[in-house]
Amino acid sequence: MGQKTDSQRMIMKTKLAVFALACLVLVGCSTSNAPFGQAFVRTAASTAVMVGTETHPEITPYLRTATHVVCAAANSTNVVPDQIVADLKAAGVSTDETSRIVVNSVINLYTTVYAYYGDSIKNQVVLVGYLHALCDGMNDGLPPGSATVSRQAARPKALPPHL
């Protein structure tokens, strides 16, 4: 898995752009219903992270960090997208261009929901639910940990000697 060529980077960017456009098309223009449900947010986030890590495995550490930041926001009362983005920048996620594209795609899902609900106190419970869906989706899309760790976890314990 050597260095990615400009052509491969362009293909990945195109795939992510098509994915983002598909999300926008599926959202529609209705103002009476929420833009999309939590299941959609989870699935879309998972897909974006999975495609990103499969085509560019080198961004996995950045996406793991981003996932920790998003999950921390979901487990607190921080529902404002600008604050989440600031936390992501502080964590160093924005230093890699490719990971920034994937993370922006994922955060845009939540920003769309946030724009619909706003930051009213009565909507914070709903918004935290969407952040949990985003967190779960990002975790779903990440590849498993190193092969060494998973093999050790799956290794059966030796039985004691018996007669």
N, C-alpha and C. Protein backbone atom coordinates (compact mmCIF):
# COMPACT_ATOMS: atom_id res chain seq x y z
N MET A 1 0.83 -1.16 0.00
CA MET A 1 0.00 0.00 0.00
C MET A 1 0.88 1.23 0.00
N GLY A 2 1.34 1.58 -1.19
CA GLY A 2 2.25 2.71 -1.32
C GLY A 2 1.51 4.03 -1.33
N GLN A 3 2.22 5.02 -1.82
CA GLN A 3 1.69 6.37 -1.89
C GLN A 3 0.55 6.43 -2.89
N LYS A 4 -0.49 7.17 -2.58
CA LYS A 4 -1.65 7.31 -3.46
C LYS A 4 -1.32 8.32 -4.55
N THR A 5 -1.76 8.04 -5.78
CA THR A 5 -1.52 8.97 -6.88
C THR A 5 -2.60 10.05 -6.88
N ASP A 6 -2.34 11.09 -7.65
CA ASP A 6 -3.32 12.17 -7.77
C ASP A 6 -4.62 11.64 -8.34
N SER A 7 -4.54 10.68 -9.24
CA SER A 7 -5.74 10.09 -9.83
C SER A 7 -6.57 9.37 -8.77
N GLN A 8 -5.92 8.62 -7.89
CA GLN A 8 -6.63 7.91 -6.83
C GLN A 8 -7.25 8.89 -5.84
N ARG A 9 -6.55 9.97 -5.55
CA ARG A 9 -7.10 10.98 -4.65
C ARG A 9 -8.34 11.64 -5.27
N MET A 10 -8.27 11.91 -6.58
CA MET A 10 -9.40 12.53 -7.26
C MET A 10 -10.60 11.59 -7.27
N ILE A 11 -10.36 10.30 -7.46
CA ILE A 11 -11.45 9.33 -7.45
C ILE A 11 -12.11 9.30 -6.08
N MET A 12 -11.31 9.33 -5.01
CA MET A 12 -11.87 9.32 -3.66
C MET A 12 -12.69 10.58 -3.41
N LYS A 13 -12.15 11.73 -3.82
CA LYS A 13 -12.87 12.99 -3.65
C LYS A 13 -14.18 12.98 -4.42
N THR A 14 -14.15 12.39 -5.62
CA THR A 14 -15.37 12.31 -6.43
C THR A 14 -16.40 11.41 -5.76
N LYS A 15 -15.96 10.28 -5.21
CA LYS A 15 -16.88 9.37 -4.51
C LYS A 15 -17.53 10.07 -3.33
N LEU A 16 -16.72 10.80 -2.56
CA LEU A 16 -17.27 11.50 -1.40
C LEU A 16 -18.21 12.63 -1.82
N ALA A 17 -17.89 13.31 -2.93
CA ALA A 17 -18.78 14.37 -3.42
C ALA A 17 -20.11 13.78 -3.87
N VAL A 18 -20.06 12.64 -4.56
CA VAL A 18 -21.29 11.98 -4.99
C VAL A 18 -22.10 11.54 -3.77
N PHE A 19 -21.42 11.02 -2.77
CA PHE A 19 -22.09 10.61 -1.54
C PHE A 19 -22.78 11.80 -0.87
N ALA A 20 -22.06 12.92 -0.78
CA ALA A 20 -22.65 14.12 -0.16
C ALA A 20 -23.84 14.61 -0.97
N LEU A 21 -23.72 14.58 -2.30
CA LEU A 21 -24.83 15.01 -3.15
C LEU A 21 -26.03 14.08 -2.98
N ALA A 22 -25.78 12.79 -2.87
CA ALA A 22 -26.88 11.84 -2.65
C ALA A 22 -27.58 12.14 -1.33
N CYS A 23 -26.81 12.48 -0.31
CA CYS A 23 -27.40 12.84 0.99
C CYS A 23 -28.30 14.06 0.83
N LEU A 24 -27.84 15.05 0.09
CA LEU A 24 -28.64 16.26 -0.10
C LEU A 24 -29.91 15.97 -0.89
N VAL A 25 -29.80 15.12 -1.89
CA VAL A 25 -30.98 14.78 -2.70
C VAL A 25 -32.00 14.03 -1.85
N LEU A 26 -31.53 13.13 -1.01
CA LEU A 26 -32.44 12.36 -0.17
C LEU A 26 -33.09 13.21 0.91
N VAL A 27 -32.47 14.34 1.26
CA VAL A 27 -33.02 15.20 2.30
C VAL A 27 -34.31 15.85 1.83
N GLY A 28 -34.34 16.34 0.61
CA GLY A 28 -35.54 17.01 0.11
C GLY A 28 -35.65 18.42 0.63
N CYS A 29 -36.79 19.04 0.37
CA CYS A 29 -36.98 20.44 0.73
C CYS A 29 -38.13 20.65 1.70
N SER A 30 -38.65 19.63 2.26
CA SER A 30 -39.79 19.76 3.17
C SER A 30 -39.39 20.49 4.44
N THR A 31 -40.28 21.36 4.92
CA THR A 31 -40.00 22.07 6.16
C THR A 31 -40.81 21.52 7.31
N SER A 32 -41.72 20.59 7.05
CA SER A 32 -42.57 20.08 8.11
C SER A 32 -41.98 18.86 8.82
N ASN A 33 -41.02 18.20 8.20
CA ASN A 33 -40.43 17.01 8.79
C ASN A 33 -38.94 17.22 8.98
N ALA A 34 -38.37 16.50 9.94
CA ALA A 34 -36.93 16.56 10.14
C ALA A 34 -36.23 16.13 8.86
N PRO A 35 -35.04 16.67 8.59
CA PRO A 35 -34.37 16.36 7.33
C PRO A 35 -34.13 14.88 7.11
N PHE A 36 -33.74 14.16 8.13
CA PHE A 36 -33.59 12.71 8.06
C PHE A 36 -33.47 12.17 9.46
N GLY A 37 -33.70 10.88 9.58
CA GLY A 37 -33.71 10.25 10.89
C GLY A 37 -32.33 9.85 11.38
N GLN A 38 -32.30 9.43 12.63
CA GLN A 38 -31.04 9.03 13.25
C GLN A 38 -30.44 7.80 12.58
N ALA A 39 -31.28 6.89 12.11
CA ALA A 39 -30.76 5.70 11.42
C ALA A 39 -30.02 6.08 10.15
N PHE A 40 -30.57 7.06 9.43
CA PHE A 40 -29.91 7.52 8.21
C PHE A 40 -28.57 8.17 8.54
N VAL A 41 -28.53 8.99 9.59
CA VAL A 41 -27.29 9.65 10.00
C VAL A 41 -26.24 8.61 10.35
N ARG A 42 -26.64 7.58 11.08
CA ARG A 42 -25.69 6.54 11.47
C ARG A 42 -25.16 5.80 10.24
N THR A 43 -26.05 5.44 9.34
CA THR A 43 -25.64 4.70 8.14
C THR A 43 -24.76 5.56 7.23
N ALA A 44 -25.13 6.81 7.05
CA ALA A 44 -24.34 7.69 6.18
C ALA A 44 -22.96 7.94 6.77
N ALA A 45 -22.88 8.17 8.07
CA ALA A 45 -21.58 8.39 8.72
C ALA A 45 -20.71 7.13 8.61
N SER A 46 -21.31 5.99 8.84
CA SER A 46 -20.59 4.73 8.74
C SER A 46 -20.03 4.53 7.33
N THR A 47 -20.86 4.80 6.34
CA THR A 47 -20.44 4.63 4.95
C THR A 47 -19.29 5.57 4.60
N ALA A 48 -19.39 6.83 5.00
CA ALA A 48 -18.33 7.79 4.70
C ALA A 48 -17.01 7.37 5.33
N VAL A 49 -17.05 6.97 6.59
CA VAL A 49 -15.82 6.57 7.29
C VAL A 49 -15.26 5.28 6.68
N MET A 50 -16.15 4.34 6.35
CA MET A 50 -15.71 3.07 5.78
C MET A 50 -15.04 3.29 4.42
N VAL A 51 -15.66 4.08 3.55
CA VAL A 51 -15.08 4.35 2.23
C VAL A 51 -13.74 5.07 2.40
N GLY A 52 -13.71 6.04 3.31
CA GLY A 52 -12.47 6.78 3.52
C GLY A 52 -11.33 5.90 4.00
N THR A 53 -11.60 5.03 4.97
CA THR A 53 -10.52 4.19 5.51
C THR A 53 -10.14 3.05 4.57
N GLU A 54 -11.09 2.59 3.76
CA GLU A 54 -10.74 1.53 2.80
C GLU A 54 -9.89 2.06 1.66
N THR A 55 -10.18 3.27 1.20
CA THR A 55 -9.41 3.82 0.09
C THR A 55 -8.13 4.51 0.55
N HIS A 56 -8.12 4.98 1.78
CA HIS A 56 -6.95 5.67 2.34
C HIS A 56 -6.72 5.21 3.77
N PRO A 57 -6.16 4.03 3.97
CA PRO A 57 -5.96 3.51 5.32
C PRO A 57 -5.12 4.41 6.21
N GLU A 58 -4.31 5.26 5.60
CA GLU A 58 -3.44 6.14 6.39
C GLU A 58 -4.22 7.21 7.16
N ILE A 59 -5.50 7.40 6.85
CA ILE A 59 -6.28 8.40 7.58
C ILE A 59 -7.00 7.81 8.80
N THR A 60 -6.87 6.52 9.00
CA THR A 60 -7.56 5.85 10.11
C THR A 60 -7.26 6.49 11.47
N PRO A 61 -6.00 6.82 11.79
CA PRO A 61 -5.76 7.45 13.11
C PRO A 61 -6.49 8.79 13.26
N TYR A 62 -6.55 9.57 12.18
CA TYR A 62 -7.26 10.85 12.24
C TYR A 62 -8.75 10.63 12.48
N LEU A 63 -9.31 9.62 11.80
CA LEU A 63 -10.74 9.36 11.96
C LEU A 63 -11.05 8.76 13.33
N ARG A 64 -10.12 8.00 13.89
CA ARG A 64 -10.32 7.50 15.26
C ARG A 64 -10.37 8.69 16.24
N THR A 65 -9.46 9.64 16.05
CA THR A 65 -9.46 10.83 16.90
C THR A 65 -10.74 11.62 16.72
N ALA A 66 -11.17 11.79 15.48
CA ALA A 66 -12.41 12.52 15.21
C ALA A 66 -13.59 11.82 15.87
N THR A 67 -13.59 10.50 15.83
CA THR A 67 -14.68 9.74 16.45
C THR A 67 -14.71 9.98 17.96
N HIS A 68 -13.54 10.01 18.59
CA HIS A 68 -13.48 10.29 20.02
C HIS A 68 -14.05 11.68 20.34
N VAL A 69 -13.73 12.66 19.50
CA VAL A 69 -14.22 14.03 19.71
C VAL A 69 -15.73 14.08 19.57
N VAL A 70 -16.26 13.46 18.51
CA VAL A 70 -17.71 13.46 18.28
C VAL A 70 -18.43 12.71 19.41
N CYS A 71 -17.88 11.60 19.83
CA CYS A 71 -18.51 10.83 20.91
C CYS A 71 -18.46 11.59 22.24
N ALA A 72 -17.38 12.33 22.46
CA ALA A 72 -17.30 13.15 23.67
C ALA A 72 -18.38 14.23 23.65
N ALA A 73 -18.61 14.82 22.48
CA ALA A 73 -19.67 15.82 22.36
C ALA A 73 -21.03 15.18 22.60
N ALA A 74 -21.22 13.97 22.10
CA ALA A 74 -22.50 13.26 22.29
C ALA A 74 -22.74 12.93 23.75
N ASN A 75 -21.67 12.73 24.50
CA ASN A 75 -21.81 12.38 25.91
C ASN A 75 -21.80 13.60 26.83
N SER A 76 -21.85 14.79 26.24
CA SER A 76 -21.91 16.01 27.03
C SER A 76 -23.12 16.82 26.55
N THR A 77 -23.15 18.06 26.89
CA THR A 77 -24.25 18.91 26.43
C THR A 77 -23.82 19.78 25.26
N ASN A 78 -22.68 19.48 24.67
CA ASN A 78 -22.17 20.25 23.54
C ASN A 78 -22.86 19.80 22.26
N VAL A 79 -23.87 20.57 21.83
CA VAL A 79 -24.59 20.19 20.61
C VAL A 79 -24.34 21.18 19.48
N VAL A 80 -23.51 22.19 19.69
CA VAL A 80 -23.27 23.23 18.70
C VAL A 80 -22.18 22.77 17.72
N PRO A 81 -22.50 22.70 16.42
CA PRO A 81 -21.52 22.23 15.44
C PRO A 81 -20.22 23.04 15.44
N ASP A 82 -20.30 24.35 15.61
CA ASP A 82 -19.08 25.17 15.61
C ASP A 82 -18.13 24.76 16.72
N GLN A 83 -18.67 24.41 17.88
CA GLN A 83 -17.82 23.99 18.99
C GLN A 83 -17.21 22.61 18.72
N ILE A 84 -17.99 21.74 18.09
CA ILE A 84 -17.47 20.41 17.74
C ILE A 84 -16.33 20.55 16.73
N VAL A 85 -16.51 21.43 15.74
CA VAL A 85 -15.47 21.67 14.75
C VAL A 85 -14.22 22.24 15.41
N ALA A 86 -14.40 23.17 16.35
CA ALA A 86 -13.25 23.73 17.08
C ALA A 86 -12.53 22.63 17.86
N ASP A 87 -13.29 21.73 18.47
CA ASP A 87 -12.68 20.61 19.20
C ASP A 87 -11.92 19.69 18.25
N LEU A 88 -12.46 19.46 17.07
CA LEU A 88 -11.78 18.63 16.07
C LEU A 88 -10.46 19.27 15.64
N LYS A 89 -10.49 20.58 15.41
CA LYS A 89 -9.26 21.28 15.03
C LYS A 89 -8.23 21.22 16.15
N ALA A 90 -8.69 21.40 17.38
CA ALA A 90 -7.78 21.34 18.53
C ALA A 90 -7.16 19.96 18.67
N ALA A 91 -7.89 18.94 18.26
CA ALA A 91 -7.38 17.56 18.35
C ALA A 91 -6.43 17.22 17.19
N GLY A 92 -6.28 18.12 16.23
CA GLY A 92 -5.36 17.90 15.12
C GLY A 92 -5.94 17.13 13.95
N VAL A 93 -7.25 16.98 13.92
CA VAL A 93 -7.87 16.21 12.84
C VAL A 93 -7.76 16.94 11.50
N SER A 94 -7.73 18.26 11.53
CA SER A 94 -7.75 19.04 10.29
C SER A 94 -6.39 19.13 9.61
N THR A 95 -5.37 18.48 10.14
CA THR A 95 -4.04 18.59 9.56
C THR A 95 -3.87 17.72 8.31
N ASP A 96 -4.69 16.73 8.11
CA ASP A 96 -4.61 15.86 6.94
C ASP A 96 -5.79 16.16 6.01
N GLU A 97 -5.47 16.48 4.76
CA GLU A 97 -6.51 16.90 3.81
C GLU A 97 -7.56 15.83 3.56
N THR A 98 -7.15 14.60 3.37
CA THR A 98 -8.10 13.54 3.07
C THR A 98 -9.02 13.25 4.25
N SER A 99 -8.45 13.21 5.45
CA SER A 99 -9.31 12.97 6.62
C SER A 99 -10.25 14.14 6.83
N ARG A 100 -9.81 15.34 6.51
CA ARG A 100 -10.66 16.52 6.64
C ARG A 100 -11.89 16.41 5.73
N ILE A 101 -11.71 15.86 4.53
CA ILE A 101 -12.84 15.69 3.61
C ILE A 101 -13.86 14.73 4.21
N VAL A 102 -13.40 13.61 4.75
CA VAL A 102 -14.30 12.62 5.33
C VAL A 102 -15.01 13.19 6.56
N VAL A 103 -14.23 13.82 7.44
CA VAL A 103 -14.82 14.38 8.66
C VAL A 103 -15.82 15.48 8.32
N ASN A 104 -15.51 16.32 7.35
CA ASN A 104 -16.46 17.36 6.96
C ASN A 104 -17.75 16.76 6.43
N SER A 105 -17.65 15.68 5.68
CA SER A 105 -18.86 15.00 5.18
C SER A 105 -19.73 14.52 6.33
N VAL A 106 -19.09 13.94 7.32
CA VAL A 106 -19.82 13.42 8.48
C VAL A 106 -20.43 14.56 9.30
N ILE A 107 -19.64 15.59 9.56
CA ILE A 107 -20.14 16.72 10.36
C ILE A 107 -21.26 17.45 9.63
N ASN A 108 -21.21 17.48 8.30
CA ASN A 108 -22.28 18.14 7.54
C ASN A 108 -23.63 17.45 7.74
N LEU A 109 -23.62 16.16 7.97
CA LEU A 109 -24.86 15.46 8.29
C LEU A 109 -25.49 16.06 9.55
N TYR A 110 -24.67 16.20 10.58
CA TYR A 110 -25.17 16.74 11.85
C TYR A 110 -25.54 18.22 11.71
N THR A 111 -24.75 18.98 10.96
CA THR A 111 -25.02 20.40 10.79
C THR A 111 -26.39 20.62 10.13
N THR A 112 -26.76 19.75 9.20
CA THR A 112 -28.06 19.84 8.57
C THR A 112 -29.17 19.63 9.59
N VAL A 113 -29.02 18.64 10.44
CA VAL A 113 -30.01 18.38 11.48
C VAL A 113 -30.05 19.55 12.46
N TYR A 114 -28.89 20.05 12.84
CA TYR A 114 -28.81 21.16 13.79
C TYR A 114 -29.53 22.40 13.21
N ALA A 115 -29.33 22.65 11.93
CA ALA A 115 -29.98 23.81 11.29
C ALA A 115 -31.50 23.68 11.35
N TYR A 116 -32.00 22.46 11.28
CA TYR A 116 -33.45 22.24 11.35
C TYR A 116 -33.98 22.47 12.76
N TYR A 117 -33.31 21.89 13.75
CA TYR A 117 -33.80 21.95 15.13
C TYR A 117 -33.37 23.21 15.88
N GLY A 118 -32.20 23.74 15.56
CA GLY A 118 -31.69 24.88 16.31
C GLY A 118 -31.15 24.42 17.65
N ASP A 119 -30.70 25.39 18.46
CA ASP A 119 -30.08 25.02 19.73
C ASP A 119 -30.98 25.31 20.93
N SER A 120 -32.26 25.35 20.70
CA SER A 120 -33.21 25.55 21.79
C SER A 120 -33.04 24.44 22.82
N ILE A 121 -33.20 24.80 24.10
CA ILE A 121 -33.05 23.83 25.19
C ILE A 121 -33.96 22.62 24.98
N LYS A 122 -35.17 22.85 24.50
CA LYS A 122 -36.11 21.74 24.32
C LYS A 122 -35.66 20.77 23.23
N ASN A 123 -34.79 21.21 22.34
CA ASN A 123 -34.32 20.34 21.26
C ASN A 123 -32.99 19.66 21.56
N GLN A 124 -32.36 19.97 22.68
CA GLN A 124 -31.05 19.41 22.97
C GLN A 124 -31.08 17.89 23.11
N VAL A 125 -32.14 17.35 23.66
CA VAL A 125 -32.24 15.89 23.80
C VAL A 125 -32.27 15.24 22.43
N VAL A 126 -33.01 15.82 21.51
CA VAL A 126 -33.09 15.29 20.15
C VAL A 126 -31.72 15.40 19.48
N LEU A 127 -31.07 16.54 19.63
CA LEU A 127 -29.77 16.75 18.99
C LEU A 127 -28.71 15.80 19.55
N VAL A 128 -28.75 15.57 20.85
CA VAL A 128 -27.80 14.61 21.44
C VAL A 128 -28.05 13.21 20.87
N GLY A 129 -29.30 12.87 20.61
CA GLY A 129 -29.62 11.59 19.98
C GLY A 129 -28.97 11.47 18.60
N TYR A 130 -29.02 12.57 17.85
CA TYR A 130 -28.37 12.57 16.53
C TYR A 130 -26.85 12.49 16.67
N LEU A 131 -26.29 13.15 17.67
CA LEU A 131 -24.84 13.05 17.89
C LEU A 131 -24.45 11.62 18.27
N HIS A 132 -25.29 10.94 19.06
CA HIS A 132 -25.02 9.53 19.37
C HIS A 132 -25.07 8.68 18.10
N ALA A 133 -26.02 8.98 17.22
CA ALA A 133 -26.10 8.25 15.95
C ALA A 133 -24.84 8.50 15.12
N LEU A 134 -24.36 9.74 15.12
CA LEU A 134 -23.15 10.08 14.39
C LEU A 134 -21.94 9.34 14.99
N CYS A 135 -21.86 9.34 16.30
CA CYS A 135 -20.78 8.64 17.02
C CYS A 135 -20.82 7.14 16.68
N ASP A 136 -22.00 6.54 16.79
CA ASP A 136 -22.13 5.11 16.51
C ASP A 136 -21.77 4.80 15.06
N GLY A 137 -22.21 5.65 14.14
CA GLY A 137 -21.91 5.44 12.72
C GLY A 137 -20.42 5.52 12.44
N MET A 138 -19.76 6.50 13.06
CA MET A 138 -18.31 6.62 12.85
C MET A 138 -17.60 5.40 13.41
N ASN A 139 -18.03 4.93 14.58
CA ASN A 139 -17.43 3.72 15.15
C ASN A 139 -17.69 2.51 14.27
N ASP A 140 -18.90 2.42 13.72
CA ASP A 140 -19.23 1.29 12.83
C ASP A 140 -18.33 1.27 11.60
N GLY A 141 -18.00 2.45 11.08
CA GLY A 141 -17.22 2.53 9.84
C GLY A 141 -15.73 2.34 10.01
N LEU A 142 -15.24 2.50 11.23
CA LEU A 142 -13.81 2.33 11.46
C LEU A 142 -13.40 0.87 11.34
N PRO A 143 -12.21 0.63 10.79
CA PRO A 143 -11.74 -0.76 10.75
C PRO A 143 -11.44 -1.24 12.16
N PRO A 144 -11.45 -2.55 12.38
CA PRO A 144 -11.11 -3.05 13.72
C PRO A 144 -9.67 -2.68 14.07
N GLY A 145 -9.34 -2.80 15.33
CA GLY A 145 -7.99 -2.48 15.80
C GLY A 145 -6.95 -3.33 15.12
N SER A 146 -5.74 -3.25 15.57
CA SER A 146 -4.66 -3.99 14.93
C SER A 146 -4.93 -5.49 14.97
N ALA A 147 -4.38 -6.19 14.00
CA ALA A 147 -4.60 -7.65 13.89
C ALA A 147 -4.05 -8.37 15.11
N THR A 148 -2.96 -7.85 15.67
CA THR A 148 -2.37 -8.49 16.84
C THR A 148 -3.33 -8.49 18.01
N VAL A 149 -3.96 -7.36 18.24
CA VAL A 149 -4.89 -7.25 19.37
C VAL A 149 -6.08 -8.16 19.16
N SER A 150 -6.64 -8.18 17.96
CA SER A 150 -7.83 -9.01 17.74
C SER A 150 -7.49 -10.50 17.81
N ARG A 151 -6.30 -10.87 17.37
CA ARG A 151 -5.92 -12.27 17.47
C ARG A 151 -5.74 -12.69 18.92
N GLN A 152 -5.11 -11.84 19.71
CA GLN A 152 -4.93 -12.17 21.11
C GLN A 152 -6.26 -12.28 21.83
N ALA A 153 -7.19 -11.44 21.47
CA ALA A 153 -8.49 -11.48 22.11
C ALA A 153 -9.24 -12.76 21.75
N ALA A 154 -9.00 -13.26 20.54
CA ALA A 154 -9.73 -14.45 20.09
C ALA A 154 -9.03 -15.76 20.47
N ARG A 155 -7.81 -15.68 20.95
CA ARG A 155 -7.05 -16.88 21.27
C ARG A 155 -7.68 -17.60 22.46
N PRO A 156 -7.98 -18.89 22.33
CA PRO A 156 -8.57 -19.61 23.45
C PRO A 156 -7.53 -19.81 24.56
N LYS A 157 -7.98 -19.87 25.78
CA LYS A 157 -7.09 -20.11 26.92
C LYS A 157 -6.77 -21.60 26.99
N ALA A 158 -5.55 -21.85 27.39
CA ALA A 158 -5.13 -23.26 27.52
C ALA A 158 -5.86 -23.90 28.69
N LEU A 159 -6.24 -25.13 28.49
CA LEU A 159 -6.91 -25.87 29.56
C LEU A 159 -5.85 -26.37 30.54
N PRO A 160 -6.23 -26.50 31.80
CA PRO A 160 -5.27 -27.05 32.77
C PRO A 160 -5.00 -28.52 32.44
N PRO A 161 -3.85 -29.00 32.84
CA PRO A 161 -3.54 -30.40 32.57
C PRO A 161 -4.55 -31.31 33.28
N HIS A 162 -4.87 -32.38 32.64
CA HIS A 162 -5.82 -33.33 33.26
C HIS A 162 -5.35 -34.76 32.97
N LEU A 163 -5.91 -35.67 33.67
CA LEU A 163 -5.53 -37.07 33.54
C LEU A 163 -6.34 -37.79 32.51
